[in-house]
Protein backbone atom coordinates (compact mmCIF):
# COMPACT_ATOMS: atom_id res chain seq x y z
CA MET A 1 10.20 -1.60 12.20
CA ARG A 2 9.19 -2.76 8.74
CA GLY A 3 6.54 -1.63 6.22
CA LEU A 4 4.73 1.67 5.88
CA LEU A 5 3.82 1.84 9.56
CA ASP A 6 7.39 1.32 10.74
CA SER A 7 9.60 2.93 8.08
CA ALA A 8 8.21 6.47 7.96
CA ARG A 9 10.92 9.06 8.45
CA PRO A 10 9.20 12.33 7.45
CA ALA A 11 12.32 14.53 7.48
CA LEU A 12 14.17 12.08 5.25
CA VAL A 13 11.21 11.70 2.91
CA ILE A 14 10.93 15.47 2.53
CA ALA A 15 14.66 15.76 1.84
CA VAL A 16 14.42 13.11 -0.87
CA MET A 17 11.47 14.92 -2.42
CA VAL A 18 13.35 18.20 -2.58
CA TRP A 19 16.31 16.44 -4.21
CA SER A 20 14.06 14.73 -6.75
CA TRP A 21 12.98 18.01 -8.36
CA THR A 22 16.44 18.27 -9.90
CA VAL A 23 16.65 14.79 -11.45
CA PRO A 24 15.12 13.34 -14.64
CA ALA A 25 11.55 12.04 -14.64
CA THR A 26 12.67 8.41 -14.86
CA SER A 27 14.66 8.83 -11.65
CA GLN A 28 11.71 10.56 -10.02
CA GLN A 29 9.77 7.28 -10.22
CA ALA A 30 12.02 6.20 -7.36
CA THR A 31 10.43 8.90 -5.17
CA VAL A 32 6.81 9.76 -4.54
CA VAL A 33 7.14 13.08 -6.45
CA GLY A 34 7.20 11.34 -9.82
CA THR A 35 4.35 8.91 -9.11
CA VAL A 36 0.56 9.08 -9.18
CA HIS A 37 0.66 9.19 -5.38
CA ASN A 38 1.77 12.80 -5.81
CA LEU A 39 -1.70 14.36 -5.60
CA SER A 40 -0.43 17.94 -5.49
CA VAL A 41 -0.76 20.37 -8.41
CA THR A 42 2.54 18.99 -9.79
CA GLY A 43 1.36 15.38 -9.81
CA PRO A 44 1.69 13.45 -13.10
CA GLY A 45 -1.63 11.61 -12.79
CA GLU A 46 -5.11 12.59 -13.98
CA VAL A 47 -6.20 12.94 -10.34
CA ARG A 48 -4.46 15.83 -8.60
CA SER A 49 -5.23 18.96 -6.64
CA PHE A 50 -6.34 22.25 -8.15
CA VAL A 51 -4.53 24.25 -5.48
CA GLU A 52 -2.37 22.22 -3.04
CA THR A 53 1.38 22.38 -3.68
CA GLU A 54 2.56 20.18 -0.78
CA VAL A 55 3.26 16.60 -1.81
CA CYS A 56 3.38 14.77 1.54
CA LYS A 57 0.28 16.47 2.91
CA PHE A 58 -2.25 14.06 1.42
CA CYS A 59 -0.99 11.23 3.63
CA HIS A 60 1.31 12.67 6.30
CA ILE A 61 1.13 15.63 8.65
CA PRO A 62 3.66 16.61 11.33
CA HIS A 63 1.11 17.67 13.96
CA SER A 64 -2.38 16.60 15.12
CA VAL A 65 -2.13 13.22 13.41
CA ASP A 66 -4.87 10.60 13.16
CA THR A 67 -2.35 7.75 13.50
CA PRO A 68 0.95 8.60 15.28
CA VAL A 69 3.06 6.24 13.14
CA PRO A 70 3.59 7.10 10.30
CA LEU A 71 2.32 10.62 11.12
CA TRP A 72 -0.83 9.78 9.19
CA GLY A 73 -2.99 12.76 8.29
CA HIS A 74 -5.59 11.42 5.87
CA ALA A 75 -9.11 10.64 7.09
CA LEU A 76 -9.56 6.91 7.68
CA SER A 77 -12.33 4.84 6.16
CA GLN A 78 -14.98 3.42 8.47
CA ALA A 79 -15.96 0.73 5.97
CA ARG A 80 -16.33 -2.95 6.79
CA TYR A 81 -14.86 -5.12 4.07
CA GLU A 82 -15.76 -8.37 2.39
CA VAL A 83 -12.62 -10.42 2.88
CA PRO A 84 -11.20 -13.60 1.31
CA ASP A 85 -10.68 -16.83 3.19
CA LEU A 86 -7.46 -17.95 4.82
CA ARG A 87 -6.67 -21.58 4.04
CA PHE A 88 -3.92 -22.49 6.46
CA SER A 89 -5.95 -25.28 8.02
CA GLY A 90 -8.49 -27.88 6.95
CA SER A 91 -11.39 -25.47 7.25
CA PRO A 92 -11.04 -22.05 5.61
CA VAL A 93 -11.72 -19.05 7.85
CA PRO A 94 -12.31 -15.41 6.86
CA ALA A 95 -9.23 -13.22 6.86
CA PRO A 96 -9.17 -10.43 9.46
CA GLN A 97 -10.52 -7.00 8.69
CA PRO A 98 -7.72 -4.86 7.27
CA ASP A 99 -5.61 -3.06 9.85
CA GLY A 100 -2.25 -1.35 10.05
CA ALA A 101 -0.80 -0.13 6.77
CA SER A 102 -3.56 -1.83 4.76
CA ARG A 103 -6.23 0.24 6.53
CA LEU A 104 -4.25 3.39 5.70
CA CYS A 105 -4.03 2.46 2.02
CA LEU A 106 -7.75 1.76 1.88
CA SER A 107 -8.55 5.21 3.24
CA CYS A 108 -8.17 6.35 -0.37
CA HIS A 109 -8.43 3.17 -2.38
CA ASP A 110 -11.78 1.88 -1.11
CA GLY A 111 -13.46 4.95 -2.58
CA THR A 112 -15.44 5.89 0.53
CA VAL A 113 -13.29 8.86 1.63
CA ALA A 114 -12.47 12.01 -0.33
CA LEU A 115 -8.86 12.10 -1.52
CA GLY A 116 -8.49 15.63 -0.18
CA ASP A 117 -9.96 14.88 3.26
CA VAL A 118 -6.85 15.57 5.32
CA THR A 119 -6.29 16.54 8.93
CA GLY A 120 -5.92 20.24 9.71
CA GLU A 121 -7.73 21.51 6.61
CA ALA A 122 -10.84 23.63 7.07
CA ARG A 123 -12.38 21.92 4.04
CA VAL A 124 -11.68 19.03 1.71
CA ILE A 125 -8.94 19.88 -0.79
CA PRO A 126 -10.57 20.14 -4.27
CA MET A 127 -9.25 17.68 -6.83
CA ARG A 128 -9.11 17.45 -10.60
CA GLY A 129 -10.45 14.15 -11.93
CA GLY A 130 -12.86 13.53 -9.04
CA ASP A 131 -12.92 14.00 -5.29
CA ARG A 132 -12.70 10.26 -4.59
CA LEU A 133 -11.84 7.10 -6.44
CA ALA A 134 -14.82 5.49 -8.13
CA PRO A 135 -15.51 2.11 -9.79
CA GLY A 136 -13.68 1.76 -13.07
CA ARG A 137 -11.02 4.32 -12.17
CA PRO A 138 -7.34 3.34 -11.79
CA GLY A 139 -6.53 2.62 -8.16
CA TYR A 140 -10.11 1.88 -7.11
CA ILE A 141 -10.35 -1.25 -4.98
CA GLY A 142 -13.70 -0.80 -3.26
CA THR A 143 -14.88 -2.57 -0.13
CA ASP A 144 -15.20 -6.07 -1.62
CA LEU A 145 -11.75 -7.57 -1.13
CA SER A 146 -12.93 -11.18 -1.44
CA GLY A 147 -11.15 -11.65 -4.77
CA SER A 148 -7.86 -10.23 -3.51
CA HIS A 149 -4.89 -11.63 -1.62
CA PRO A 150 -5.77 -11.60 2.10
CA VAL A 151 -4.07 -8.97 4.23
CA SER A 152 -3.53 -8.17 7.91
CA PHE A 153 -2.93 -11.78 8.98
CA VAL A 154 0.10 -13.11 10.81
CA VAL A 155 2.15 -15.22 8.42
CA PRO A 156 2.68 -18.68 9.89
CA ASP A 157 5.94 -20.57 9.60
CA GLY A 158 6.19 -23.06 6.72
CA VAL A 159 2.72 -24.50 6.20
CA THR A 160 0.97 -26.13 3.26
CA LEU A 161 -1.72 -23.87 1.86
CA GLY A 162 -5.18 -25.31 2.39
CA GLY A 163 -3.91 -27.71 5.04
CA ASP A 164 -3.61 -30.39 2.35
CA PRO A 165 -0.28 -32.28 2.55
CA GLU A 166 -0.65 -33.14 -1.15
CA SER A 167 -0.92 -29.47 -2.16
CA ASP A 168 1.69 -28.28 -4.62
CA MET A 169 2.12 -24.90 -2.91
CA VAL A 170 3.64 -24.16 0.48
CA LEU A 171 4.88 -21.14 2.35
CA ARG A 172 8.62 -20.74 2.53
CA PRO A 173 10.16 -20.78 6.01
CA LEU A 174 9.38 -17.58 7.86
CA ALA A 175 13.09 -16.80 8.31
CA ALA A 176 13.54 -16.89 4.53
CA ILE A 177 10.58 -14.57 4.00
CA GLU A 178 11.81 -12.13 6.61
CA SER A 179 15.31 -12.07 5.15
CA ASP A 180 14.09 -10.42 1.93
CA GLN A 181 14.94 -6.71 1.81
CA ASP A 182 12.07 -5.74 -0.50
CA VAL A 183 9.06 -7.90 0.40
CA ARG A 184 8.46 -7.01 4.03
CA LEU A 185 6.01 -8.09 6.69
CA ASP A 186 5.05 -5.46 9.22
CA ALA A 187 6.38 -5.23 12.78
CA ALA A 188 3.74 -7.72 13.98
CA GLY A 189 4.68 -10.26 11.31
CA LYS A 190 1.58 -9.50 9.26
CA MET A 191 1.10 -9.51 5.53
CA GLN A 192 -0.09 -6.02 4.54
CA CYS A 193 -0.57 -4.06 1.32
CA THR A 194 2.91 -2.67 1.92
CA THR A 195 4.40 -6.16 1.87
CA CYS A 196 4.18 -6.14 -1.93
CA HIS A 197 3.72 -2.43 -2.68
CA ASP A 198 5.97 0.54 -1.84
CA PRO A 199 3.72 3.63 -1.78
CA HIS A 200 6.69 5.96 -2.20
CA ALA A 201 8.27 4.48 -5.35
CA ASP A 202 6.93 3.10 -8.65
CA ARG A 203 10.10 2.30 -10.55
CA TYR A 204 8.96 -1.10 -11.86
CA TYR A 205 5.45 -0.35 -13.12
CA SER A 206 4.68 -1.87 -16.52
CA PRO A 207 1.07 -1.75 -17.81
CA GLY A 208 -0.37 -5.26 -18.02
CA ARG A 209 2.80 -6.82 -16.61
CA VAL A 210 3.91 -5.30 -13.30
CA PRO A 211 1.44 -3.63 -10.89
CA ARG A 212 1.75 -0.10 -9.59
CA PHE A 213 4.22 0.46 -6.75
CA TRP A 214 5.53 -3.12 -6.97
CA VAL A 215 8.60 -3.79 -4.85
CA LYS A 216 10.44 -5.99 -7.37
CA PRO A 217 10.87 -5.96 -11.16
CA THR A 218 8.51 -8.90 -11.77
CA VAL A 219 5.37 -10.31 -10.22
CA GLU A 220 7.00 -13.71 -9.88
CA GLU A 221 9.87 -12.41 -7.76
CA VAL A 222 7.43 -11.01 -5.21
CA CYS A 223 5.21 -14.11 -5.11
CA LEU A 224 8.14 -16.47 -4.76
CA THR A 225 9.49 -14.54 -1.79
CA CYS A 226 6.70 -16.09 0.31
CA HIS A 227 5.45 -19.02 -1.78
CA ALA A 228 7.19 -22.11 -3.13
CA LEU A 229 6.04 -24.87 -5.44
CA ARG A 230 6.74 -28.47 -4.43
């Protein structure tokens, strides 16, 4: 399986985390320990726990999970989202509501669920820097996704965007997209947040140039995995 939903191997992730404590901070950006997704007391970001020392716990839990794969333990958002249009045909249609890995990401990033609201805890884990993401804070996306790239749709094979044969942008053949080792559709062939972002590594982040948790060194390399200019 591909993407967050199909690549979770908790034992391996934990082993990598333990190893990462012994390596320099720059190398730690290749594991979740050195990124702002480490919400434990050791996290490097302004938002982190007052008390919780476990790193994986904010997203994954080995027992009593909310979502069996990838052993998801964070409370899920119940929000309904404003979504952008898909333009694969003559008439644009709204993108689907986020599902799969994108729904998991939004359980923190839409700002409607407390960051410390995890399965198996008697109460929400208290956090420095705010209990949930709020407008204006790094990482806040909200529930209006209409200005974002659509997610949770099945990527078709080699179409002209907008259904216009004169358009200067097309999708690359699906086989070419799926052959990329970094930009990955999920097991159902859907574009998800995890197609372009790796939640466990942030080695390429560059303020104003490369987004957080980007899967390649430049924005262009990710875009051109799926898109081509004619």
